[in-house]
Amino acid sequence: MVMMTLMIASASSNDFLDTHNAIRAEVGVGPMTWNNTLVAYASNYANKMKGKNCELEHSQGIYGENLAAGYGEMTGEQAVKFWATEKTMYDYTSNTCTEEDACGHYLQL
């Protein structure tokens, strides 16, 4: 998960983690734990992207990631809930998105 550095600085780990885990619990998926290695990776990538006018571009790195942008302030909780709106485009029976790539952010949660 890569968020622009300013958001990371103003959000606590619980803003992201508690919301992730609540969404995962809704469908019987176990909780995640905070990982400082991933935080460092995301922070480094966000700083790199600041030099590119904060364009939303995946890192192509070894970790799955969700990107978010908005106007004004966006909390970690709001970003995670935004990604979770794609749940409606996920078919549990076939374990696929109802439209190609329509629920990829939700699957990362």
Protein backbone atom coordinates (compact mmCIF):
# COMPACT_ATOMS: atom_id res chain seq x y z
CA MET A 1 0.00 0.00 0.00
CA VAL A 2 1.52 3.27 -1.07
CA MET A 3 0.10 6.53 0.18
CA MET A 4 1.71 9.91 -0.31
CA THR A 5 4.12 10.70 2.50
CA LEU A 6 2.00 13.51 3.95
CA MET A 7 -0.84 11.08 4.54
CA ILE A 8 1.43 8.55 6.17
CA ALA A 9 2.84 11.23 8.45
CA SER A 10 -0.60 12.36 9.59
CA ALA A 11 -2.16 8.91 9.97
CA SER A 12 -1.55 6.35 12.65
CA SER A 13 -0.97 2.72 11.81
CA ASN A 14 -4.37 1.98 13.33
CA ASP A 15 -6.08 4.19 10.73
CA PHE A 16 -5.00 1.71 8.08
CA LEU A 17 -4.75 -1.53 9.98
CA ASP A 18 -7.98 -1.48 11.97
CA THR A 19 -10.00 -0.66 8.87
CA HIS A 20 -8.24 -3.37 6.83
CA ASN A 21 -8.88 -5.93 9.52
CA ALA A 22 -12.55 -4.97 9.95
CA ILE A 23 -13.12 -5.42 6.21
CA ARG A 24 -11.23 -8.73 6.19
CA ALA A 25 -13.22 -9.99 9.20
CA GLU A 26 -16.49 -9.37 7.32
CA VAL A 27 -15.58 -12.21 4.96
CA GLY A 28 -13.73 -14.48 7.39
CA VAL A 29 -10.18 -13.51 6.40
CA GLY A 30 -7.63 -13.32 9.21
CA PRO A 31 -6.14 -10.07 10.48
CA MET A 32 -3.01 -8.39 9.21
CA THR A 33 -0.24 -7.00 11.40
CA TRP A 34 1.75 -3.79 10.99
CA ASN A 35 5.02 -4.33 9.11
CA ASN A 36 7.73 -1.68 9.33
CA THR A 37 9.52 -3.10 6.28
CA LEU A 38 6.43 -2.38 4.18
CA VAL A 39 6.11 1.08 5.73
CA ALA A 40 9.69 1.89 4.73
CA TYR A 41 9.11 0.56 1.20
CA ALA A 42 5.91 2.62 0.82
CA SER A 43 7.53 5.77 2.23
CA ASN A 44 10.52 5.48 -0.09
CA TYR A 45 8.27 4.95 -3.10
CA ALA A 46 5.97 7.85 -2.13
CA ASN A 47 9.00 10.14 -1.82
CA LYS A 48 10.20 9.01 -5.25
CA MET A 49 6.78 9.76 -6.75
CA LYS A 50 6.70 13.28 -5.26
CA GLY A 51 9.34 14.15 -7.83
CA LYS A 52 6.93 13.04 -10.56
CA ASN A 53 4.10 15.35 -9.48
CA CYS A 54 2.57 12.55 -7.40
CA GLU A 55 1.33 10.63 -10.44
CA LEU A 56 -0.39 7.38 -9.48
CA GLU A 57 1.92 4.74 -10.86
CA HIS A 58 2.49 1.29 -9.38
CA SER A 59 6.03 0.52 -8.29
CA GLN A 60 6.24 -2.83 -10.10
CA GLY A 61 8.00 -4.01 -6.94
CA ILE A 62 7.67 -7.24 -5.01
CA TYR A 63 4.71 -6.10 -2.88
CA GLY A 64 1.06 -5.74 -3.78
CA GLU A 65 -0.10 -2.17 -3.39
CA ASN A 66 -3.10 0.09 -3.60
CA LEU A 67 -2.78 3.74 -4.54
CA ALA A 68 -5.20 6.53 -3.70
CA ALA A 69 -5.46 10.23 -4.43
CA GLY A 70 -8.01 12.79 -3.46
CA TYR A 71 -8.65 16.44 -2.90
CA GLY A 72 -8.17 17.89 0.54
CA GLU A 73 -7.31 15.55 3.36
CA MET A 74 -7.91 11.81 3.11
CA THR A 75 -7.43 9.64 6.16
CA GLY A 76 -6.05 6.13 6.06
CA GLU A 77 -9.49 4.88 7.05
CA GLN A 78 -11.13 6.75 4.16
CA ALA A 79 -8.63 5.37 1.64
CA VAL A 80 -9.16 1.78 2.79
CA LYS A 81 -12.94 2.19 2.74
CA PHE A 82 -12.66 3.66 -0.77
CA TRP A 83 -10.83 0.54 -1.97
CA ALA A 84 -13.39 -1.66 -0.22
CA THR A 85 -16.22 -0.22 -2.33
CA GLU A 86 -15.03 -2.61 -5.05
CA LYS A 87 -16.39 -5.50 -2.96
CA THR A 88 -19.65 -5.25 -4.92
CA MET A 89 -17.72 -6.16 -8.09
CA TYR A 90 -16.29 -9.38 -6.63
CA ASP A 91 -17.96 -12.75 -7.28
CA TYR A 92 -17.23 -15.08 -4.37
CA THR A 93 -18.51 -18.14 -6.24
CA SER A 94 -16.04 -17.82 -9.11
CA ASN A 95 -13.37 -15.98 -7.07
CA THR A 96 -13.13 -13.35 -9.80
CA CYS A 97 -14.02 -9.74 -10.45
CA THR A 98 -17.31 -9.27 -12.29
CA GLU A 99 -15.54 -6.86 -14.62
CA GLU A 100 -11.88 -7.19 -15.56
CA ASP A 101 -9.70 -5.43 -12.99
CA ALA A 102 -12.78 -3.90 -11.37
CA CYS A 103 -12.01 -5.21 -7.88
CA GLY A 104 -8.23 -5.43 -7.74
CA HIS A 105 -7.96 -2.93 -4.89
CA TYR A 106 -10.50 -4.90 -2.86
CA LEU A 107 -8.56 -8.11 -3.46
CA GLN A 108 -5.42 -6.47 -2.05
CA LEU A 109 -7.27 -5.83 1.20
